[in-house]
Amino acid sequence: MSADELAALKARWNDVLFYLESQSRVAWLLYFDARLVSLEDDVLTIDFSDPQRFDQSQTFPISTDTRHSDALLAAVTAITGQVITLRIA
């Protein structure tokens, strides 16, 4: 079932991103190129095509400010109705 859920989320991902952009341009900039890796037990795992962009040794909003991940999760809920948590691979 998780493969089906992931496929369904991928099909709605542009809608999620449009909603996210309307709520938080900064969060949208952080997540617009995220790749959806898996969705299991309501945990969405994402990664990025350019992992150096989010170097954890730097102070960067994706790792230090939960407002942006909260905005993404709220966008997923608003578009799909599904409440999930986020994991960055």
PDB file of N, CA and C in Angstrom:
ATOM      1  N   MET A   1       0.816  -1.200   0.000  1.00  0.00           N
ATOM      2  CA  MET A   1       0.000   0.000   0.000  1.00  0.00           C
ATOM      3  C   MET A   1       0.852   1.253   0.000  1.00  0.00           C
ATOM      4  N   SER A   2       2.023   1.237   0.616  1.00  0.00           N
ATOM      5  CA  SER A   2       2.859   2.435   0.672  1.00  0.00           C
ATOM      6  C   SER A   2       3.326   2.861  -0.718  1.00  0.00           C
ATOM      7  N   ALA A   3       3.549   1.898  -1.616  1.00  0.00           N
ATOM      8  CA  ALA A   3       3.934   2.259  -2.988  1.00  0.00           C
ATOM      9  C   ALA A   3       2.791   2.991  -3.677  1.00  0.00           C
ATOM     10  N   ASP A   4       1.565   2.546  -3.425  1.00  0.00           N
ATOM     11  CA  ASP A   4       0.397   3.225  -3.985  1.00  0.00           C
ATOM     12  C   ASP A   4       0.241   4.619  -3.392  1.00  0.00           C
ATOM     13  N   GLU A   5       0.465   4.737  -2.080  1.00  0.00           N
ATOM     14  CA  GLU A   5       0.380   6.045  -1.422  1.00  0.00           C
ATOM     15  C   GLU A   5       1.440   6.989  -1.957  1.00  0.00           C
ATOM     16  N   LEU A   6       2.650   6.478  -2.163  1.00  0.00           N
ATOM     17  CA  LEU A   6       3.715   7.311  -2.715  1.00  0.00           C
ATOM     18  C   LEU A   6       3.360   7.755  -4.125  1.00  0.00           C
ATOM     19  N   ALA A   7       2.844   6.853  -4.931  1.00  0.00           N
ATOM     20  CA  ALA A   7       2.445   7.204  -6.297  1.00  0.00           C
ATOM     21  C   ALA A   7       1.344   8.262  -6.288  1.00  0.00           C
ATOM     22  N   ALA A   8       0.399   8.127  -5.372  1.00  0.00           N
ATOM     23  CA  ALA A   8      -0.686   9.109  -5.271  1.00  0.00           C
ATOM     24  C   ALA A   8      -0.149  10.473  -4.852  1.00  0.00           C
ATOM     25  N   LEU A   9       0.791  10.484  -3.916  1.00  0.00           N
ATOM     26  CA  LEU A   9       1.385  11.752  -3.484  1.00  0.00           C
ATOM     27  C   LEU A   9       2.195  12.377  -4.610  1.00  0.00           C
ATOM     28  N   LYS A  10       2.953  11.568  -5.325  1.00  0.00           N
ATOM     29  CA  LYS A  10       3.715  12.089  -6.465  1.00  0.00           C
ATOM     30  C   LYS A  10       2.788  12.712  -7.502  1.00  0.00           C
ATOM     31  N   ALA A  11       1.634  12.107  -7.709  1.00  0.00           N
ATOM     32  CA  ALA A  11       0.673  12.639  -8.677  1.00  0.00           C
ATOM     33  C   ALA A  11       0.128  13.995  -8.244  1.00  0.00           C
ATOM     34  N   ARG A  12       0.110  14.256  -6.958  1.00  0.00           N
ATOM     35  CA  ARG A  12      -0.410  15.524  -6.425  1.00  0.00           C
ATOM     36  C   ARG A  12       0.694  16.480  -6.004  1.00  0.00           C
ATOM     37  N   TRP A  13       1.964  16.097  -6.211  1.00  0.00           N
ATOM     38  CA  TRP A  13       3.083  16.872  -5.675  1.00  0.00           C
ATOM     39  C   TRP A  13       3.106  18.304  -6.208  1.00  0.00           C
ATOM     40  N   ASN A  14       2.812  18.511  -7.482  1.00  0.00           N
ATOM     41  CA  ASN A  14       2.785  19.883  -8.002  1.00  0.00           C
ATOM     42  C   ASN A  14       1.719  20.713  -7.298  1.00  0.00           C
ATOM     43  N   ASP A  15       0.573  20.108  -6.998  1.00  0.00           N
ATOM     44  CA  ASP A  15      -0.463  20.816  -6.245  1.00  0.00           C
ATOM     45  C   ASP A  15       0.033  21.168  -4.848  1.00  0.00           C
ATOM     46  N   VAL A  16       0.745  20.237  -4.221  1.00  0.00           N
ATOM     47  CA  VAL A  16       1.329  20.498  -2.902  1.00  0.00           C
ATOM     48  C   VAL A  16       2.289  21.679  -2.995  1.00  0.00           C
ATOM     49  N   LEU A  17       3.138  21.678  -4.013  1.00  0.00           N
ATOM     50  CA  LEU A  17       4.114  22.760  -4.156  1.00  0.00           C
ATOM     51  C   LEU A  17       3.450  24.099  -4.452  1.00  0.00           C
ATOM     52  N   PHE A  18       2.409  24.106  -5.268  1.00  0.00           N
ATOM     53  CA  PHE A  18       1.685  25.359  -5.531  1.00  0.00           C
ATOM     54  C   PHE A  18       1.074  25.904  -4.242  1.00  0.00           C
ATOM     55  N   TYR A  19       0.488  25.023  -3.467  1.00  0.00           N
ATOM     56  CA  TYR A  19      -0.086  25.443  -2.190  1.00  0.00           C
ATOM     57  C   TYR A  19       1.014  25.955  -1.261  1.00  0.00           C
ATOM     58  N   LEU A  20       2.114  25.224  -1.182  1.00  0.00           N
ATOM     59  CA  LEU A  20       3.229  25.628  -0.331  1.00  0.00           C
ATOM     60  C   LEU A  20       3.745  27.001  -0.727  1.00  0.00           C
ATOM     61  N   GLU A  21       3.887  27.236  -2.019  1.00  0.00           N
ATOM     62  CA  GLU A  21       4.370  28.540  -2.491  1.00  0.00           C
ATOM     63  C   GLU A  21       3.432  29.663  -2.051  1.00  0.00           C
ATOM     64  N   SER A  22       2.140  29.402  -2.056  1.00  0.00           N
ATOM     65  CA  SER A  22       1.181  30.437  -1.647  1.00  0.00           C
ATOM     66  C   SER A  22       1.250  30.722  -0.148  1.00  0.00           C
ATOM     67  N   GLN A  23       1.765  29.771   0.616  1.00  0.00           N
ATOM     68  CA  GLN A  23       1.850  29.923   2.066  1.00  0.00           C
ATOM     69  C   GLN A  23       3.215  30.410   2.537  1.00  0.00           C
ATOM     70  N   SER A  24       4.269  29.948   1.874  1.00  0.00           N
ATOM     71  CA  SER A  24       5.633  30.285   2.294  1.00  0.00           C
ATOM     72  C   SER A  24       6.581  30.151   1.115  1.00  0.00           C
ATOM     73  N   ARG A  25       6.962  31.267   0.570  1.00  0.00           N
ATOM     74  CA  ARG A  25       7.880  31.258  -0.572  1.00  0.00           C
ATOM     75  C   ARG A  25       9.233  30.647  -0.175  1.00  0.00           C
ATOM     76  N   VAL A  26       9.684  30.923   1.029  1.00  0.00           N
ATOM     77  CA  VAL A  26      10.970  30.377   1.485  1.00  0.00           C
ATOM     78  C   VAL A  26      10.901  28.854   1.559  1.00  0.00           C
ATOM     79  N   ALA A  27       9.837  28.328   2.149  1.00  0.00           N
ATOM     80  CA  ALA A  27       9.686  26.869   2.226  1.00  0.00           C
ATOM     81  C   ALA A  27       9.613  26.273   0.827  1.00  0.00           C
ATOM     82  N   TRP A  28       8.892  26.934  -0.064  1.00  0.00           N
ATOM     83  CA  TRP A  28       8.803  26.449  -1.445  1.00  0.00           C
ATOM     84  C   TRP A  28      10.188  26.391  -2.075  1.00  0.00           C
ATOM     85  N   LEU A  29      10.997  27.428  -1.869  1.00  0.00           N
ATOM     86  CA  LEU A  29      12.357  27.440  -2.422  1.00  0.00           C
ATOM     87  C   LEU A  29      13.191  26.289  -1.873  1.00  0.00           C
ATOM     88  N   LEU A  30      12.975  25.953  -0.623  1.00  0.00           N
ATOM     89  CA  LEU A  30      13.729  24.856  -0.016  1.00  0.00           C
ATOM     90  C   LEU A  30      13.332  23.495  -0.573  1.00  0.00           C
ATOM     91  N   TYR A  31      12.050  23.313  -0.861  1.00  0.00           N
ATOM     92  CA  TYR A  31      11.543  21.979  -1.182  1.00  0.00           C
ATOM     93  C   TYR A  31      11.135  21.754  -2.630  1.00  0.00           C
ATOM     94  N   PHE A  32      11.196  22.765  -3.485  1.00  0.00           N
ATOM     95  CA  PHE A  32      10.659  22.581  -4.841  1.00  0.00           C
ATOM     96  C   PHE A  32      11.390  21.514  -5.639  1.00  0.00           C
ATOM     97  N   ASP A  33      12.653  21.249  -5.326  1.00  0.00           N
ATOM     98  CA  ASP A  33      13.362  20.209  -6.081  1.00  0.00           C
ATOM     99  C   ASP A  33      13.565  18.924  -5.271  1.00  0.00           C
ATOM    100  N   ALA A  34      12.787  18.783  -4.214  1.00  0.00           N
ATOM    101  CA  ALA A  34      12.867  17.552  -3.418  1.00  0.00           C
ATOM    102  C   ALA A  34      12.354  16.374  -4.233  1.00  0.00           C
ATOM    103  N   ARG A  35      13.012  15.239  -4.045  1.00  0.00           N
ATOM    104  CA  ARG A  35      12.568  13.994  -4.683  1.00  0.00           C
ATOM    105  C   ARG A  35      11.907  13.125  -3.624  1.00  0.00           C
ATOM    106  N   LEU A  36      10.735  12.654  -3.931  1.00  0.00           N
ATOM    107  CA  LEU A  36      10.013  11.788  -3.005  1.00  0.00           C
ATOM    108  C   LEU A  36      10.568  10.379  -3.135  1.00  0.00           C
ATOM    109  N   VAL A  37      11.141   9.881  -2.048  1.00  0.00           N
ATOM    110  CA  VAL A  37      11.812   8.583  -2.053  1.00  0.00           C
ATOM    111  C   VAL A  37      10.873   7.474  -1.601  1.00  0.00           C
ATOM    112  N   SER A  38      10.218   7.688  -0.472  1.00  0.00           N
ATOM    113  CA  SER A  38       9.317   6.655   0.048  1.00  0.00           C
ATOM    114  C   SER A  38       8.270   7.290   0.949  1.00  0.00           C
ATOM    115  N   LEU A  39       7.207   6.549   1.150  1.00  0.00           N
ATOM    116  CA  LEU A  39       6.157   6.933   2.088  1.00  0.00           C
ATOM    117  C   LEU A  39       5.712   5.656   2.779  1.00  0.00           C
ATOM    118  N   GLU A  40       6.200   5.473   3.999  1.00  0.00           N
ATOM    119  CA  GLU A  40       5.900   4.266   4.766  1.00  0.00           C
ATOM    120  C   GLU A  40       5.521   4.648   6.180  1.00  0.00           C
ATOM    121  N   ASP A  41       4.436   4.064   6.666  1.00  0.00           N
ATOM    122  CA  ASP A  41       3.950   4.343   8.021  1.00  0.00           C
ATOM    123  C   ASP A  41       3.793   5.842   8.256  1.00  0.00           C
ATOM    124  N   ASP A  42       3.275   6.532   7.251  1.00  0.00           N
ATOM    125  CA  ASP A  42       3.034   7.980   7.307  1.00  0.00           C
ATOM    126  C   ASP A  42       4.306   8.800   7.502  1.00  0.00           C
ATOM    127  N   VAL A  43       5.445   8.264   7.098  1.00  0.00           N
ATOM    128  CA  VAL A  43       6.710   8.999   7.104  1.00  0.00           C
ATOM    129  C   VAL A  43       7.149   9.169   5.657  1.00  0.00           C
ATOM    130  N   LEU A  44       7.194  10.420   5.210  1.00  0.00           N
ATOM    131  CA  LEU A  44       7.649  10.741   3.864  1.00  0.00           C
ATOM    132  C   LEU A  44       9.150  10.975   3.902  1.00  0.00           C
ATOM    133  N   THR A  45       9.883  10.201   3.122  1.00  0.00           N
ATOM    134  CA  THR A  45      11.323  10.396   2.995  1.00  0.00           C
ATOM    135  C   THR A  45      11.581  11.107   1.682  1.00  0.00           C
ATOM    136  N   ILE A  46      12.351  12.203   1.774  1.00  0.00           N
ATOM    137  CA  ILE A  46      12.718  12.961   0.582  1.00  0.00           C
ATOM    138  C   ILE A  46      14.229  13.090   0.524  1.00  0.00           C
ATOM    139  N   ASP A  47      14.725  13.337  -0.672  1.00  0.00           N
ATOM    140  CA  ASP A  47      16.118  13.736  -0.830  1.00  0.00           C
ATOM    141  C   ASP A  47      16.158  14.810  -1.903  1.00  0.00           C
ATOM    142  N   PHE A  48      17.346  15.259  -2.213  1.00  0.00           N
ATOM    143  CA  PHE A  48      17.503  16.381  -3.129  1.00  0.00           C
ATOM    144  C   PHE A  48      18.487  16.027  -4.222  1.00  0.00           C
ATOM    145  N   SER A  49      18.251  16.567  -5.412  1.00  0.00           N
ATOM    146  CA  SER A  49      19.132  16.297  -6.544  1.00  0.00           C
ATOM    147  C   SER A  49      20.517  16.885  -6.308  1.00  0.00           C
ATOM    148  N   ASP A  50      20.597  17.932  -5.494  1.00  0.00           N
ATOM    149  CA  ASP A  50      21.876  18.556  -5.166  1.00  0.00           C
ATOM    150  C   ASP A  50      22.056  18.525  -3.651  1.00  0.00           C
ATOM    151  N   PRO A  51      22.525  17.402  -3.100  1.00  0.00           N
ATOM    152  CA  PRO A  51      22.620  17.290  -1.644  1.00  0.00           C
ATOM    153  C   PRO A  51      23.577  18.294  -1.013  1.00  0.00           C
ATOM    154  N   GLN A  52      24.538  18.810  -1.767  1.00  0.00           N
ATOM    155  CA  GLN A  52      25.455  19.808  -1.224  1.00  0.00           C
ATOM    156  C   GLN A  52      24.730  21.108  -0.894  1.00  0.00           C
ATOM    157  N   ARG A  53      23.582  21.292  -1.506  1.00  0.00           N
ATOM    158  CA  ARG A  53      22.795  22.493  -1.260  1.00  0.00           C
ATOM    159  C   ARG A  53      22.398  22.598   0.209  1.00  0.00           C
ATOM    160  N   PHE A  54      22.276  21.466   0.867  1.00  0.00           N
ATOM    161  CA  PHE A  54      21.843  21.431   2.252  1.00  0.00           C
ATOM    162  C   PHE A  54      22.941  20.870   3.143  1.00  0.00           C
ATOM    163  N   ASP A  55      24.120  21.409   3.006  1.00  0.00           N
ATOM    164  CA  ASP A  55      25.264  21.005   3.811  1.00  0.00           C
ATOM    165  C   ASP A  55      24.927  21.209   5.288  1.00  0.00           C
ATOM    166  N   GLN A  56      24.883  20.127   6.030  1.00  0.00           N
ATOM    167  CA  GLN A  56      24.492  20.192   7.434  1.00  0.00           C
ATOM    168  C   GLN A  56      25.515  20.921   8.304  1.00  0.00           C
ATOM    169  N   SER A  57      26.727  21.140   7.808  1.00  0.00           N
ATOM    170  CA  SER A  57      27.715  21.865   8.605  1.00  0.00           C
ATOM    171  C   SER A  57      27.458  23.364   8.591  1.00  0.00           C
ATOM    172  N   GLN A  58      26.592  23.811   7.699  1.00  0.00           N
ATOM    173  CA  GLN A  58      26.250  25.224   7.629  1.00  0.00           C
ATOM    174  C   GLN A  58      24.944  25.455   8.374  1.00  0.00           C
ATOM    175  N   THR A  59      24.770  26.679   8.849  1.00  0.00           N
ATOM    176  CA  THR A  59      23.480  27.026   9.423  1.00  0.00           C
ATOM    177  C   THR A  59      22.543  27.283   8.265  1.00  0.00           C
ATOM    178  N   PHE A  60      21.544  26.459   8.143  1.00  0.00           N
ATOM    179  CA  PHE A  60      20.651  26.558   6.990  1.00  0.00           C
ATOM    180  C   PHE A  60      19.232  26.280   7.445  1.00  0.00           C
ATOM    181  N   PRO A  61      18.261  27.008   6.914  1.00  0.00           N
ATOM    182  CA  PRO A  61      16.886  26.895   7.415  1.00  0.00           C
ATOM    183  C   PRO A  61      16.289  25.496   7.389  1.00  0.00           C
ATOM    184  N   ILE A  62      16.689  24.659   6.451  1.00  0.00           N
ATOM    185  CA  ILE A  62      16.061  23.338   6.374  1.00  0.00           C
ATOM    186  C   ILE A  62      16.403  22.481   7.587  1.00  0.00           C
ATOM    187  N   SER A  63      17.556  22.726   8.187  1.00  0.00           N
ATOM    188  CA  SER A  63      17.950  21.901   9.320  1.00  0.00           C
ATOM    189  C   SER A  63      17.754  22.600  10.654  1.00  0.00           C
ATOM    190  N   THR A  64      17.534  23.906  10.636  1.00  0.00           N
ATOM    191  CA  THR A  64      17.477  24.638  11.895  1.00  0.00           C
ATOM    192  C   THR A  64      16.130  25.263  12.185  1.00  0.00           C
ATOM    193  N   ASP A  65      15.261  25.335  11.209  1.00  0.00           N
ATOM    194  CA  ASP A  65      13.996  26.035  11.381  1.00  0.00           C
ATOM    195  C   ASP A  65      12.848  25.117  10.967  1.00  0.00           C
ATOM    196  N   THR A  66      12.097  24.650  11.932  1.00  0.00           N
ATOM    197  CA  THR A  66      11.023  23.705  11.628  1.00  0.00           C
ATOM    198  C   THR A  66       9.823  24.362  10.959  1.00  0.00           C
ATOM    199  N   ARG A  67       9.780  25.695  10.906  1.00  0.00           N
ATOM    200  CA  ARG A  67       8.649  26.359  10.243  1.00  0.00           C
ATOM    201  C   ARG A  67       8.508  25.897   8.802  1.00  0.00           C
ATOM    202  N   HIS A  68       9.631  25.672   8.138  1.00  0.00           N
ATOM    203  CA  HIS A  68       9.591  25.314   6.722  1.00  0.00           C
ATOM    204  C   HIS A  68       9.111  23.874   6.522  1.00  0.00           C
ATOM    205  N   SER A  69       9.608  22.961   7.329  1.00  0.00           N
ATOM    206  CA  SER A  69       9.113  21.585   7.210  1.00  0.00           C
ATOM    207  C   SER A  69       7.658  21.503   7.659  1.00  0.00           C
ATOM    208  N   ASP A  70       7.296  22.281   8.676  1.00  0.00           N
ATOM    209  CA  ASP A  70       5.894  22.322   9.101  1.00  0.00           C
ATOM    210  C   ASP A  70       5.000  22.843   7.980  1.00  0.00           C
ATOM    211  N   ALA A  71       5.482  23.844   7.241  1.00  0.00           N
ATOM    212  CA  ALA A  71       4.709  24.387   6.117  1.00  0.00           C
ATOM    213  C   ALA A  71       4.530  23.335   5.030  1.00  0.00           C
ATOM    214  N   LEU A  72       5.581  22.561   4.758  1.00  0.00           N
ATOM    215  CA  LEU A  72       5.474  21.498   3.761  1.00  0.00           C
ATOM    216  C   LEU A  72       4.462  20.442   4.201  1.00  0.00           C
ATOM    217  N   LEU A  73       4.552  20.027   5.442  1.00  0.00           N
ATOM    218  CA  LEU A  73       3.631  19.005   5.944  1.00  0.00           C
ATOM    219  C   LEU A  73       2.193  19.513   5.952  1.00  0.00           C
ATOM    220  N   ALA A  74       2.008  20.788   6.276  1.00  0.00           N
ATOM    221  CA  ALA A  74       0.666  21.378   6.234  1.00  0.00           C
ATOM    222  C   ALA A  74       0.135  21.414   4.807  1.00  0.00           C
ATOM    223  N   ALA A  75       1.012  21.675   3.848  1.00  0.00           N
ATOM    224  CA  ALA A  75       0.597  21.683   2.439  1.00  0.00           C
ATOM    225  C   ALA A  75       0.173  20.287   1.996  1.00  0.00           C
ATOM    226  N   VAL A  76       0.922  19.275   2.408  1.00  0.00           N
ATOM    227  CA  VAL A  76       0.548  17.894   2.075  1.00  0.00           C
ATOM    228  C   VAL A  76      -0.828  17.576   2.651  1.00  0.00           C
ATOM    229  N   THR A  77      -1.045  17.958   3.903  1.00  0.00           N
ATOM    230  CA  THR A  77      -2.336  17.697   4.539  1.00  0.00           C
ATOM    231  C   THR A  77      -3.460  18.461   3.845  1.00  0.00           C
ATOM    232  N   ALA A  78      -3.207  19.721   3.499  1.00  0.00           N
ATOM    233  CA  ALA A  78      -4.237  20.537   2.848  1.00  0.00           C
ATOM    234  C   ALA A  78      -4.645  19.960   1.495  1.00  0.00           C
ATOM    235  N   ILE A  79      -3.690  19.428   0.761  1.00  0.00           N
ATOM    236  CA  ILE A  79      -3.972  18.926  -0.587  1.00  0.00           C
ATOM    237  C   ILE A  79      -4.479  17.487  -0.570  1.00  0.00           C
ATOM    238  N   THR A  80      -3.900  16.655   0.274  1.00  0.00           N
ATOM    239  CA  THR A  80      -4.231  15.224   0.238  1.00  0.00           C
ATOM    240  C   THR A  80      -5.117  14.761   1.393  1.00  0.00           C
ATOM    241  N   GLY A  81      -5.152  15.546   2.462  1.00  0.00           N
ATOM    242  CA  GLY A  81      -5.876  15.124   3.655  1.00  0.00           C
ATOM    243  C   GLY A  81      -5.082  14.183   4.534  1.00  0.00           C
ATOM    244  N   GLN A  82      -3.874  13.844   4.115  1.00  0.00           N
ATOM    245  CA  GLN A  82      -3.049  12.889   4.849  1.00  0.00           C
ATOM    246  C   GLN A  82      -2.104  13.623   5.797  1.00  0.00           C
ATOM    247  N   VAL A  83      -2.036  13.163   7.034  1.00  0.00           N
ATOM    248  CA  VAL A  83      -1.121  13.716   8.023  1.00  0.00           C
ATOM    249  C   VAL A  83       0.116  12.827   8.047  1.00  0.00           C
ATOM    250  N   ILE A  84       1.263  13.424   7.754  1.00  0.00           N
ATOM    251  CA  ILE A  84       2.512  12.664   7.679  1.00  0.00           C
ATOM    252  C   ILE A  84       3.595  13.381   8.460  1.00  0.00           C
ATOM    253  N   THR A  85       4.720  12.696   8.623  1.00  0.00           N
ATOM    254  CA  THR A  85       5.928  13.317   9.143  1.00  0.00           C
ATOM    255  C   THR A  85       6.975  13.269   8.040  1.00  0.00           C
ATOM    256  N   LEU A  86       8.060  13.990   8.245  1.00  0.00           N
ATOM    257  CA  LEU A  86       9.062  14.166   7.199  1.00  0.00           C
ATOM    258  C   LEU A  86      10.410  13.633   7.653  1.00  0.00           C
ATOM    259  N   ARG A  87      11.076  12.959   6.742  1.00  0.00           N
ATOM    260  CA  ARG A  87      12.449  12.500   6.948  1.00  0.00           C
ATOM    261  C   ARG A  87      13.248  12.916   5.731  1.00  0.00           C
ATOM    262  N   ILE A  88      14.400  13.546   5.967  1.00  0.00           N
ATOM    263  CA  ILE A  88      15.274  13.952   4.866  1.00  0.00           C
ATOM    264  C   ILE A  88      16.430  12.970   4.800  1.00  0.00           C
ATOM    265  N   ALA A  89      16.555  12.316   3.660  1.00  0.00           N
ATOM    266  CA  ALA A  89      17.597  11.297   3.483  1.00  0.00           C
ATOM    267  C   ALA A  89      18.938  11.950   3.224  1.00  0.00           C
TER     268      ALA A  89
END
